[in-house]
């Protein structure tokens, strides 16, 4: 009978599959952390009362300073010198209307600082109460 000789193979631990599994588990946990939703408040169901009334929306008009220097009152483009007459006409029809001064977000080609201060002065000297619209300072920051 013929005997086949086999060489003795040293057992060894393969590290590549182990590293693959570790990275797979790590990827899973990183992805799970990204998808976690942070809850800052508890959902509270509101009670319905028979004496309740629907809130009345406050009428408002916005003066928007665009990135290109264009001024819009509502949806209409208006020249700088025509803003005050348009606002006064609108407020004569609806005196309870709130006036918002809005600057379009972004870097424009025109310096809008003098436009903003000029509009503010015109409206303030006319006795019109102006509300500025902006972004919350903490909105750009990410919370850990």
N, C-alpha and C. Protein backbone atom coordinates (compact mmCIF):
# COMPACT_ATOMS: atom_id res chain seq x y z
N UNK A 1 0.81 -1.16 0.00
CA UNK A 1 0.00 0.00 0.00
C UNK A 1 0.86 1.23 0.00
N UNK A 2 0.46 2.13 -0.81
CA UNK A 2 1.22 3.34 -0.97
C UNK A 2 0.69 4.42 -0.04
N UNK A 3 1.59 5.00 0.72
CA UNK A 3 1.20 6.05 1.64
C UNK A 3 1.50 7.39 1.01
N UNK A 4 0.49 8.24 1.10
CA UNK A 4 0.69 9.61 0.62
C UNK A 4 1.19 10.45 1.78
N UNK A 5 2.19 11.17 1.50
CA UNK A 5 2.73 12.04 2.54
C UNK A 5 2.12 13.42 2.43
N UNK A 6 1.65 13.85 3.54
CA UNK A 6 1.14 15.22 3.59
C UNK A 6 2.02 16.02 4.52
N UNK A 7 2.21 17.23 4.09
CA UNK A 7 2.96 18.09 4.98
C UNK A 7 2.03 18.62 6.04
N UNK A 8 2.56 18.81 7.17
CA UNK A 8 1.80 19.32 8.29
C UNK A 8 1.57 20.82 8.06
N UNK A 9 0.32 21.24 8.01
CA UNK A 9 -0.02 22.65 7.80
C UNK A 9 -0.19 23.30 9.15
N UNK A 10 0.52 24.39 9.31
CA UNK A 10 0.39 25.13 10.56
C UNK A 10 -0.94 25.87 10.56
N UNK A 11 -1.72 25.71 11.61
CA UNK A 11 -2.97 26.47 11.67
C UNK A 11 -2.65 27.95 11.90
N UNK A 12 -3.41 28.81 11.21
CA UNK A 12 -3.19 30.23 11.40
C UNK A 12 -4.53 30.96 11.35
N UNK A 13 -4.55 32.08 11.97
CA UNK A 13 -5.78 32.88 12.02
C UNK A 13 -5.68 33.95 10.92
N UNK A 14 -6.68 33.96 10.08
CA UNK A 14 -6.73 34.95 9.01
C UNK A 14 -7.30 36.25 9.59
N UNK A 15 -6.57 37.32 9.44
CA UNK A 15 -7.01 38.60 9.98
C UNK A 15 -7.89 39.41 9.02
N UNK A 16 -7.78 39.19 7.75
CA UNK A 16 -8.55 39.98 6.79
C UNK A 16 -10.06 39.80 6.98
N UNK A 17 -10.59 38.60 7.11
CA UNK A 17 -12.04 38.48 7.35
C UNK A 17 -12.45 39.10 8.69
N UNK A 18 -11.57 39.01 9.69
CA UNK A 18 -11.87 39.61 10.98
C UNK A 18 -11.94 41.14 10.87
N UNK A 19 -11.02 41.71 10.14
CA UNK A 19 -11.03 43.16 9.93
C UNK A 19 -12.27 43.58 9.15
N UNK A 20 -12.66 42.81 8.15
CA UNK A 20 -13.87 43.10 7.38
C UNK A 20 -15.10 43.12 8.29
N UNK A 21 -15.21 42.16 9.16
CA UNK A 21 -16.36 42.09 10.07
C UNK A 21 -16.36 43.28 11.02
N UNK A 22 -15.21 43.64 11.54
CA UNK A 22 -15.11 44.78 12.46
C UNK A 22 -15.55 46.06 11.75
N UNK A 23 -15.07 46.27 10.51
CA UNK A 23 -15.47 47.47 9.78
C UNK A 23 -16.95 47.45 9.43
N UNK A 24 -17.50 46.30 9.16
CA UNK A 24 -18.94 46.19 8.90
C UNK A 24 -19.74 46.59 10.13
N UNK A 25 -19.35 46.12 11.28
CA UNK A 25 -20.04 46.47 12.53
C UNK A 25 -19.86 47.97 12.82
N UNK A 26 -18.66 48.49 12.62
CA UNK A 26 -18.42 49.91 12.84
C UNK A 26 -19.28 50.77 11.91
N UNK A 27 -19.36 50.38 10.65
CA UNK A 27 -20.19 51.10 9.69
C UNK A 27 -21.66 51.07 10.10
N UNK A 28 -22.13 49.96 10.58
CA UNK A 28 -23.51 49.85 11.03
C UNK A 28 -23.79 50.82 12.17
N UNK A 29 -22.92 50.89 13.15
CA UNK A 29 -23.15 51.77 14.29
C UNK A 29 -23.03 53.24 13.92
N UNK A 30 -22.13 53.57 13.02
CA UNK A 30 -22.03 54.96 12.56
C UNK A 30 -23.30 55.35 11.82
N UNK A 31 -23.78 54.51 10.95
CA UNK A 31 -25.00 54.78 10.21
C UNK A 31 -26.20 54.87 11.15
N UNK A 32 -26.24 54.03 12.16
CA UNK A 32 -27.33 54.07 13.13
C UNK A 32 -27.31 55.39 13.91
N UNK A 33 -26.12 55.90 14.24
CA UNK A 33 -26.03 57.17 14.96
C UNK A 33 -26.46 58.34 14.08
N UNK A 34 -26.19 58.27 12.80
CA UNK A 34 -26.59 59.35 11.90
C UNK A 34 -28.11 59.41 11.80
N UNK A 35 -28.75 58.28 11.81
CA UNK A 35 -30.20 58.23 11.65
C UNK A 35 -30.97 58.44 12.94
N UNK A 36 -30.27 58.55 14.05
CA UNK A 36 -30.97 58.77 15.31
C UNK A 36 -31.58 60.15 15.32
N UNK A 37 -32.77 60.27 15.84
CA UNK A 37 -33.47 61.54 15.93
C UNK A 37 -33.44 62.00 17.37
N UNK A 38 -32.98 63.23 17.56
CA UNK A 38 -32.94 63.77 18.91
C UNK A 38 -34.27 64.43 19.19
N UNK A 39 -34.90 64.04 20.26
CA UNK A 39 -36.21 64.57 20.63
C UNK A 39 -36.00 65.60 21.72
N UNK A 40 -36.36 66.86 21.41
CA UNK A 40 -36.19 67.92 22.38
C UNK A 40 -37.45 68.18 23.19
N UNK A 41 -38.58 67.72 22.72
CA UNK A 41 -39.81 67.96 23.45
C UNK A 41 -40.72 66.74 23.35
N UNK A 42 -41.58 66.66 24.28
CA UNK A 42 -42.54 65.56 24.30
C UNK A 42 -43.77 65.95 23.48
N UNK A 43 -44.31 65.03 22.73
CA UNK A 43 -45.55 65.35 22.02
C UNK A 43 -46.70 65.41 23.02
N UNK A 44 -47.37 66.53 23.05
CA UNK A 44 -48.48 66.72 23.97
C UNK A 44 -49.75 66.91 23.15
N UNK A 45 -50.72 66.05 23.33
CA UNK A 45 -51.98 66.25 22.60
C UNK A 45 -52.73 67.45 23.18
N UNK A 46 -53.24 68.29 22.31
CA UNK A 46 -53.97 69.46 22.74
C UNK A 46 -55.43 69.10 22.97
N UNK A 47 -55.96 69.64 24.02
CA UNK A 47 -57.37 69.40 24.34
C UNK A 47 -58.24 70.29 23.48
N UNK A 48 -59.42 69.83 23.17
CA UNK A 48 -60.40 70.62 22.43
C UNK A 48 -61.43 71.15 23.42
N UNK A 49 -61.68 72.45 23.36
CA UNK A 49 -62.64 73.08 24.25
C UNK A 49 -63.75 73.70 23.42
N UNK A 50 -64.94 73.66 23.96
CA UNK A 50 -66.08 74.19 23.21
C UNK A 50 -66.05 75.71 23.15
N UNK A 51 -65.33 76.37 24.05
CA UNK A 51 -65.27 77.83 24.05
C UNK A 51 -64.11 78.38 23.21
N UNK A 52 -63.41 77.51 22.53
CA UNK A 52 -62.23 77.97 21.79
C UNK A 52 -62.64 78.67 20.49
N UNK A 53 -61.74 79.55 20.03
CA UNK A 53 -61.95 80.25 18.77
C UNK A 53 -60.72 80.08 17.90
N UNK A 54 -60.91 80.07 16.61
CA UNK A 54 -59.77 79.99 15.70
C UNK A 54 -59.01 81.31 15.75
N UNK A 55 -57.67 81.27 15.73
CA UNK A 55 -56.91 82.53 15.75
C UNK A 55 -57.04 83.26 14.43
N UNK A 56 -57.05 84.57 14.54
CA UNK A 56 -57.11 85.42 13.35
C UNK A 56 -55.70 85.65 12.84
N UNK A 57 -55.42 85.33 11.59
CA UNK A 57 -54.08 85.61 11.08
C UNK A 57 -53.86 87.12 10.95
N UNK A 58 -52.67 87.55 11.30
CA UNK A 58 -52.33 88.97 11.21
C UNK A 58 -51.92 89.28 9.78
N UNK A 59 -52.56 90.27 9.16
CA UNK A 59 -52.13 90.62 7.80
C UNK A 59 -50.75 91.26 7.83
N UNK A 60 -49.95 90.94 6.83
CA UNK A 60 -48.58 91.44 6.79
C UNK A 60 -48.17 91.71 5.35
N UNK A 61 -47.19 92.60 5.21
CA UNK A 61 -46.60 92.87 3.90
C UNK A 61 -45.09 92.89 4.09
N UNK A 62 -44.38 92.35 3.11
CA UNK A 62 -42.93 92.27 3.20
C UNK A 62 -42.24 93.14 2.18
N UNK A 63 -41.18 93.81 2.63
CA UNK A 63 -40.31 94.56 1.73
C UNK A 63 -39.02 93.75 1.64
N UNK A 64 -38.74 93.20 0.47
CA UNK A 64 -37.60 92.31 0.29
C UNK A 64 -36.49 93.00 -0.49
N UNK A 65 -35.28 92.94 0.06
CA UNK A 65 -34.10 93.44 -0.64
C UNK A 65 -33.41 92.24 -1.28
N UNK A 66 -33.43 92.17 -2.60
CA UNK A 66 -32.87 91.03 -3.31
C UNK A 66 -31.35 91.09 -3.39
N UNK A 67 -30.76 89.98 -3.78
CA UNK A 67 -29.31 89.91 -3.93
C UNK A 67 -28.80 90.84 -5.03
N UNK A 68 -29.63 91.08 -6.02
CA UNK A 68 -29.23 91.95 -7.13
C UNK A 68 -29.55 93.42 -6.87
N UNK A 69 -30.08 93.75 -5.68
CA UNK A 69 -30.40 95.13 -5.35
C UNK A 69 -31.83 95.52 -5.65
N UNK A 70 -32.61 94.60 -6.18
CA UNK A 70 -34.02 94.89 -6.47
C UNK A 70 -34.83 94.92 -5.17
N UNK A 71 -35.81 95.81 -5.13
CA UNK A 71 -36.68 95.95 -3.96
C UNK A 71 -38.07 95.48 -4.38
N UNK A 72 -38.61 94.55 -3.59
CA UNK A 72 -39.95 94.03 -3.85
C UNK A 72 -40.84 94.35 -2.67
N UNK A 73 -42.00 94.93 -2.94
CA UNK A 73 -43.03 95.13 -1.92
C UNK A 73 -44.11 94.13 -2.25
N UNK A 74 -44.24 93.12 -1.39
CA UNK A 74 -45.10 91.99 -1.72
C UNK A 74 -44.45 91.24 -2.87
N UNK A 75 -45.17 91.12 -3.98
CA UNK A 75 -44.62 90.44 -5.16
C UNK A 75 -44.21 91.42 -6.26
N UNK A 76 -44.45 92.71 -6.04
CA UNK A 76 -44.18 93.71 -7.07
C UNK A 76 -42.83 94.37 -6.86
N UNK A 77 -42.07 94.52 -7.95
CA UNK A 77 -40.79 95.22 -7.87
C UNK A 77 -41.06 96.72 -7.88
N UNK A 78 -40.40 97.42 -6.93
CA UNK A 78 -40.65 98.85 -6.74
C UNK A 78 -39.31 99.56 -6.66
N UNK A 79 -39.25 100.80 -7.14
CA UNK A 79 -38.05 101.61 -7.02
C UNK A 79 -37.92 102.11 -5.59
N UNK A 80 -36.71 102.46 -5.18
CA UNK A 80 -36.43 102.89 -3.80
C UNK A 80 -37.31 104.07 -3.38
N UNK A 81 -37.49 105.03 -4.26
CA UNK A 81 -38.27 106.22 -3.90
C UNK A 81 -39.78 105.96 -3.87
N UNK A 82 -40.23 104.84 -4.43
CA UNK A 82 -41.66 104.52 -4.44
C UNK A 82 -42.08 103.60 -3.31
N UNK A 83 -41.15 103.14 -2.50
CA UNK A 83 -41.49 102.19 -1.43
C UNK A 83 -42.40 102.83 -0.40
N UNK A 84 -42.06 104.03 0.08
CA UNK A 84 -42.85 104.69 1.12
C UNK A 84 -44.28 104.97 0.67
N UNK A 85 -44.51 105.53 -0.53
CA UNK A 85 -45.90 105.75 -0.95
C UNK A 85 -46.71 104.45 -1.07
N UNK A 86 -46.08 103.38 -1.54
CA UNK A 86 -46.79 102.10 -1.67
C UNK A 86 -47.16 101.56 -0.29
N UNK A 87 -46.23 101.64 0.66
CA UNK A 87 -46.50 101.15 2.02
C UNK A 87 -47.57 102.01 2.69
N UNK A 88 -47.48 103.34 2.54
CA UNK A 88 -48.50 104.21 3.14
C UNK A 88 -49.88 103.95 2.56
N UNK A 89 -49.94 103.70 1.26
CA UNK A 89 -51.23 103.39 0.62
C UNK A 89 -51.79 102.07 1.15
N UNK A 90 -50.92 101.09 1.30
CA UNK A 90 -51.35 99.79 1.82
C UNK A 90 -51.83 99.91 3.26
N UNK A 91 -51.10 100.68 4.08
CA UNK A 91 -51.48 100.85 5.48
C UNK A 91 -52.73 101.71 5.65
N UNK A 92 -53.02 102.58 4.68
CA UNK A 92 -54.26 103.36 4.77
C UNK A 92 -55.48 102.45 4.57
N UNK A 93 -55.31 101.39 3.74
CA UNK A 93 -56.40 100.44 3.54
C UNK A 93 -56.55 99.50 4.73
N UNK A 94 -55.42 99.03 5.27
CA UNK A 94 -55.41 98.08 6.39
C UNK A 94 -54.40 98.57 7.43
N UNK A 95 -54.82 99.39 8.39
CA UNK A 95 -53.86 99.95 9.36
C UNK A 95 -53.29 98.91 10.33
N UNK A 96 -53.92 97.76 10.47
CA UNK A 96 -53.42 96.74 11.40
C UNK A 96 -52.33 95.87 10.77
N UNK A 97 -51.97 96.15 9.54
CA UNK A 97 -50.98 95.35 8.81
C UNK A 97 -49.58 95.53 9.39
N UNK A 98 -48.83 94.44 9.49
CA UNK A 98 -47.45 94.47 9.96
C UNK A 98 -46.52 94.56 8.76
N UNK A 99 -45.48 95.40 8.88
CA UNK A 99 -44.52 95.58 7.79
C UNK A 99 -43.23 94.86 8.17
N UNK A 100 -42.80 93.93 7.30
CA UNK A 100 -41.57 93.18 7.52
C UNK A 100 -40.52 93.63 6.52
N UNK A 101 -39.30 93.84 6.99
CA UNK A 101 -38.17 94.19 6.13
C UNK A 101 -37.27 92.97 6.05
N UNK A 102 -37.11 92.43 4.84
CA UNK A 102 -36.45 91.14 4.64
C UNK A 102 -35.27 91.33 3.69
N UNK A 103 -34.12 90.75 4.07
CA UNK A 103 -32.97 90.72 3.16
C UNK A 103 -32.79 89.29 2.68
N UNK A 104 -32.72 89.13 1.37
CA UNK A 104 -32.51 87.80 0.80
C UNK A 104 -31.15 87.26 1.25
N UNK A 105 -31.13 86.01 1.67
CA UNK A 105 -29.90 85.40 2.18
C UNK A 105 -28.93 85.14 1.04
N UNK A 106 -27.66 85.36 1.30
CA UNK A 106 -26.63 85.07 0.32
C UNK A 106 -25.75 86.28 0.07
N UNK A 107 -24.73 86.07 -0.74
CA UNK A 107 -23.81 87.13 -1.11
C UNK A 107 -24.24 87.68 -2.46
N UNK A 108 -24.58 88.95 -2.47
CA UNK A 108 -25.04 89.57 -3.70
C UNK A 108 -23.95 90.37 -4.39
N UNK A 109 -24.30 90.92 -5.54
CA UNK A 109 -23.37 91.72 -6.30
C UNK A 109 -23.45 93.19 -5.92
N UNK A 110 -24.47 93.57 -5.14
CA UNK A 110 -24.71 94.96 -4.76
C UNK A 110 -24.59 95.07 -3.24
N UNK A 111 -24.01 96.18 -2.76
CA UNK A 111 -23.95 96.45 -1.33
C UNK A 111 -25.34 96.89 -0.88
N UNK A 112 -26.01 96.05 -0.11
CA UNK A 112 -27.38 96.33 0.31
C UNK A 112 -27.45 97.05 1.64
N UNK A 113 -26.32 97.30 2.29
CA UNK A 113 -26.31 97.99 3.56
C UNK A 113 -26.91 99.39 3.48
N UNK A 114 -26.45 100.23 2.53
CA UNK A 114 -27.06 101.56 2.41
C UNK A 114 -28.54 101.50 2.04
N UNK A 115 -28.93 100.51 1.27
CA UNK A 115 -30.35 100.36 0.93
C UNK A 115 -31.17 100.05 2.17
N UNK A 116 -30.64 99.15 3.00
CA UNK A 116 -31.35 98.76 4.23
C UNK A 116 -31.51 99.96 5.15
N UNK A 117 -30.42 100.69 5.39
CA UNK A 117 -30.51 101.85 6.29
C UNK A 117 -31.37 102.95 5.70
N UNK A 118 -31.32 103.13 4.39
CA UNK A 118 -32.16 104.14 3.74
C UNK A 118 -33.64 103.82 3.87
N UNK A 119 -34.00 102.56 3.62
CA UNK A 119 -35.40 102.15 3.78
C UNK A 119 -35.84 102.27 5.23
N UNK A 120 -34.96 101.84 6.13
CA UNK A 120 -35.29 101.91 7.56
C UNK A 120 -35.57 103.36 7.97
N UNK A 121 -34.70 104.29 7.52
CA UNK A 121 -34.89 105.70 7.87
C UNK A 121 -36.20 106.24 7.29
N UNK A 122 -36.46 105.95 6.02
CA UNK A 122 -37.69 106.43 5.39
C UNK A 122 -38.92 105.97 6.14
N UNK A 123 -38.97 104.67 6.43
CA UNK A 123 -40.15 104.12 7.08
C UNK A 123 -40.26 104.57 8.54
N UNK A 124 -39.13 104.67 9.23
CA UNK A 124 -39.13 105.08 10.63
C UNK A 124 -39.56 106.54 10.77
N UNK A 125 -39.05 107.41 9.89
CA UNK A 125 -39.43 108.82 9.94
C UNK A 125 -40.90 109.03 9.59
N UNK A 126 -41.48 108.12 8.82
CA UNK A 126 -42.90 108.20 8.48
C UNK A 126 -43.77 107.64 9.61
N UNK A 127 -43.14 107.10 10.66
CA UNK A 127 -43.91 106.57 11.80
C UNK A 127 -44.42 105.16 11.59
N UNK A 128 -43.81 104.42 10.67
CA UNK A 128 -44.25 103.06 10.39
C UNK A 128 -43.41 102.10 11.22
N UNK A 129 -44.09 101.20 11.92
CA UNK A 129 -43.41 100.19 12.74
C UNK A 129 -42.90 99.09 11.82
N UNK A 130 -41.60 98.80 11.90
CA UNK A 130 -40.96 97.85 11.00
C UNK A 130 -40.44 96.66 11.80
N UNK A 131 -40.64 95.47 11.27
CA UNK A 131 -40.12 94.24 11.87
C UNK A 131 -39.06 93.68 10.93
N UNK A 132 -37.88 93.37 11.48
CA UNK A 132 -36.83 92.76 10.67
C UNK A 132 -36.99 91.25 10.68
N UNK A 133 -36.75 90.63 9.55
CA UNK A 133 -36.81 89.19 9.44
C UNK A 133 -35.40 88.67 9.24
N UNK A 134 -35.01 87.69 10.05
CA UNK A 134 -33.68 87.12 9.95
C UNK A 134 -33.69 85.67 10.36
N UNK A 135 -32.52 85.10 10.34
CA UNK A 135 -32.36 83.69 10.71
C UNK A 135 -31.85 83.63 12.14
N UNK A 136 -32.30 82.63 12.88
CA UNK A 136 -31.85 82.41 14.24
C UNK A 136 -30.35 82.17 14.24
N UNK A 137 -29.63 82.78 15.18
CA UNK A 137 -28.17 82.62 15.21
C UNK A 137 -27.75 81.19 15.43
N UNK A 138 -28.54 80.43 16.17
CA UNK A 138 -28.19 79.04 16.46
C UNK A 138 -28.62 78.10 15.36
N UNK A 139 -29.33 78.59 14.33
CA UNK A 139 -29.82 77.71 13.27
C UNK A 139 -28.68 77.14 12.44
N UNK A 140 -27.59 77.91 12.26
CA UNK A 140 -26.48 77.42 11.45
C UNK A 140 -25.57 76.46 12.19
N UNK A 141 -25.64 76.48 13.50
CA UNK A 141 -24.77 75.61 14.29
C UNK A 141 -25.41 74.25 14.46
N UNK A 142 -24.62 73.23 14.42
CA UNK A 142 -25.15 71.88 14.64
C UNK A 142 -25.04 71.53 16.11
N UNK A 143 -26.08 70.87 16.61
CA UNK A 143 -26.07 70.46 18.00
C UNK A 143 -25.49 69.07 18.13
N UNK A 144 -24.66 68.85 19.15
CA UNK A 144 -24.04 67.52 19.27
C UNK A 144 -25.05 66.51 19.72
